[in-house]
């Protein structure tokens, strides 16, 4: 998968990086390289949602879980 990320210099030093396609997926680092590595890990964690969490979220709703492939 490919994601576009925004890498900005932080006012207090270092860098902040976020993923516009994944709301709330943000990380940081002292260098550009560190920030990019950190956001890769953040993306992996963001996308690794436990099935039990999803099932709990839709419990009692008229909803179902389906899988799609991009």
C-alpha atoms as a PDB file:
ATOM      1  CA  UNK A   1       0.000   0.000   0.000  1.00  0.00           C
ATOM      2  CA  UNK A   2       1.077   3.549  -0.639  1.00  0.00           C
ATOM      3  CA  UNK A   3       0.186   6.521   1.526  1.00  0.00           C
ATOM      4  CA  UNK A   4       0.956  10.168   1.031  1.00  0.00           C
ATOM      5  CA  UNK A   5       2.164  11.785   4.231  1.00  0.00           C
ATOM      6  CA  UNK A   6       2.779  15.384   5.213  1.00  0.00           C
ATOM      7  CA  UNK A   7       6.139  16.078   6.837  1.00  0.00           C
ATOM      8  CA  UNK A   8       6.479  19.412   8.644  1.00  0.00           C
ATOM      9  CA  UNK A   9       9.177  21.010  10.732  1.00  0.00           C
ATOM     10  CA  UNK A  10       7.948  21.358  14.299  1.00  0.00           C
ATOM     11  CA  UNK A  11       8.262  24.766  15.998  1.00  0.00           C
ATOM     12  CA  UNK A  12      10.068  23.174  18.950  1.00  0.00           C
ATOM     13  CA  UNK A  13      12.437  21.259  16.662  1.00  0.00           C
ATOM     14  CA  UNK A  14      12.242  17.944  14.898  1.00  0.00           C
ATOM     15  CA  UNK A  15       9.478  16.935  12.527  1.00  0.00           C
ATOM     16  CA  UNK A  16       5.798  16.071  12.680  1.00  0.00           C
ATOM     17  CA  UNK A  17       4.333  13.747  10.078  1.00  0.00           C
ATOM     18  CA  UNK A  18       0.712  12.810   9.465  1.00  0.00           C
ATOM     19  CA  UNK A  19      -1.333  10.742   7.050  1.00  0.00           C
ATOM     20  CA  UNK A  20      -4.285  12.701   5.600  1.00  0.00           C
ATOM     21  CA  UNK A  21      -6.011   9.477   4.463  1.00  0.00           C
ATOM     22  CA  UNK A  22      -5.930   8.090   8.035  1.00  0.00           C
ATOM     23  CA  UNK A  23      -7.448  10.655  10.427  1.00  0.00           C
ATOM     24  CA  UNK A  24      -5.527  10.783  13.685  1.00  0.00           C
ATOM     25  CA  UNK A  25      -2.509   8.911  12.321  1.00  0.00           C
ATOM     26  CA  UNK A  26       0.306  11.219  13.404  1.00  0.00           C
ATOM     27  CA  UNK A  27       3.888  10.740  14.506  1.00  0.00           C
ATOM     28  CA  UNK A  28       7.090  12.684  14.987  1.00  0.00           C
ATOM     29  CA  UNK A  29      10.857  12.393  15.064  1.00  0.00           C
ATOM     30  CA  UNK A  30      14.009  14.387  15.648  1.00  0.00           C
ATOM     31  CA  UNK A  31      15.069  13.903  11.995  1.00  0.00           C
ATOM     32  CA  UNK A  32      13.121  13.458   8.768  1.00  0.00           C
ATOM     33  CA  UNK A  33      14.263   9.856   8.578  1.00  0.00           C
ATOM     34  CA  UNK A  34      13.167   9.113  12.153  1.00  0.00           C
ATOM     35  CA  UNK A  35       9.779  10.770  11.602  1.00  0.00           C
ATOM     36  CA  UNK A  36       9.199   8.717   8.448  1.00  0.00           C
ATOM     37  CA  UNK A  37      10.128   5.462  10.185  1.00  0.00           C
ATOM     38  CA  UNK A  38       7.873   6.358  13.111  1.00  0.00           C
ATOM     39  CA  UNK A  39       4.903   7.114  10.874  1.00  0.00           C
ATOM     40  CA  UNK A  40       5.367   3.767   9.099  1.00  0.00           C
ATOM     41  CA  UNK A  41       4.930   2.077  12.471  1.00  0.00           C
ATOM     42  CA  UNK A  42       1.950   4.331  13.266  1.00  0.00           C
ATOM     43  CA  UNK A  43       0.281   3.322   9.982  1.00  0.00           C
ATOM     44  CA  UNK A  44       0.795  -0.376  10.738  1.00  0.00           C
ATOM     45  CA  UNK A  45      -0.743   0.049  14.193  1.00  0.00           C
ATOM     46  CA  UNK A  46      -3.591   2.183  12.810  1.00  0.00           C
ATOM     47  CA  UNK A  47      -4.489  -0.490  10.256  1.00  0.00           C
ATOM     48  CA  UNK A  48      -4.121  -3.442  12.665  1.00  0.00           C
ATOM     49  CA  UNK A  49      -7.612  -3.304  14.146  1.00  0.00           C
ATOM     50  CA  UNK A  50      -8.580  -6.402  16.074  1.00  0.00           C
ATOM     51  CA  UNK A  51     -11.686  -8.211  14.721  1.00  0.00           C
ATOM     52  CA  UNK A  52     -13.078  -8.330  18.268  1.00  0.00           C
ATOM     53  CA  UNK A  53     -12.972  -4.521  18.407  1.00  0.00           C
ATOM     54  CA  UNK A  54     -14.910  -4.273  15.149  1.00  0.00           C
ATOM     55  CA  UNK A  55     -17.484  -6.830  16.284  1.00  0.00           C
ATOM     56  CA  UNK A  56     -17.986  -4.988  19.587  1.00  0.00           C
ATOM     57  CA  UNK A  57     -18.476  -1.715  17.709  1.00  0.00           C
ATOM     58  CA  UNK A  58     -21.265  -3.072  15.495  1.00  0.00           C
ATOM     59  CA  UNK A  59     -22.953  -5.248  18.140  1.00  0.00           C
ATOM     60  CA  UNK A  60     -26.674  -4.547  18.188  1.00  0.00           C
ATOM     61  CA  UNK A  61     -26.585  -2.639  14.918  1.00  0.00           C
ATOM     62  CA  UNK A  62     -27.989  -3.740  11.595  1.00  0.00           C
ATOM     63  CA  UNK A  63     -24.472  -4.071  10.174  1.00  0.00           C
ATOM     64  CA  UNK A  64     -22.070  -6.698   8.917  1.00  0.00           C
ATOM     65  CA  UNK A  65     -18.337  -7.049   8.442  1.00  0.00           C
ATOM     66  CA  UNK A  66     -17.081  -7.486   4.893  1.00  0.00           C
ATOM     67  CA  UNK A  67     -13.579  -7.459   3.447  1.00  0.00           C
ATOM     68  CA  UNK A  68     -12.419  -5.566   0.387  1.00  0.00           C
ATOM     69  CA  UNK A  69      -9.139  -5.728  -1.473  1.00  0.00           C
ATOM     70  CA  UNK A  70      -7.628  -2.614  -3.012  1.00  0.00           C
END
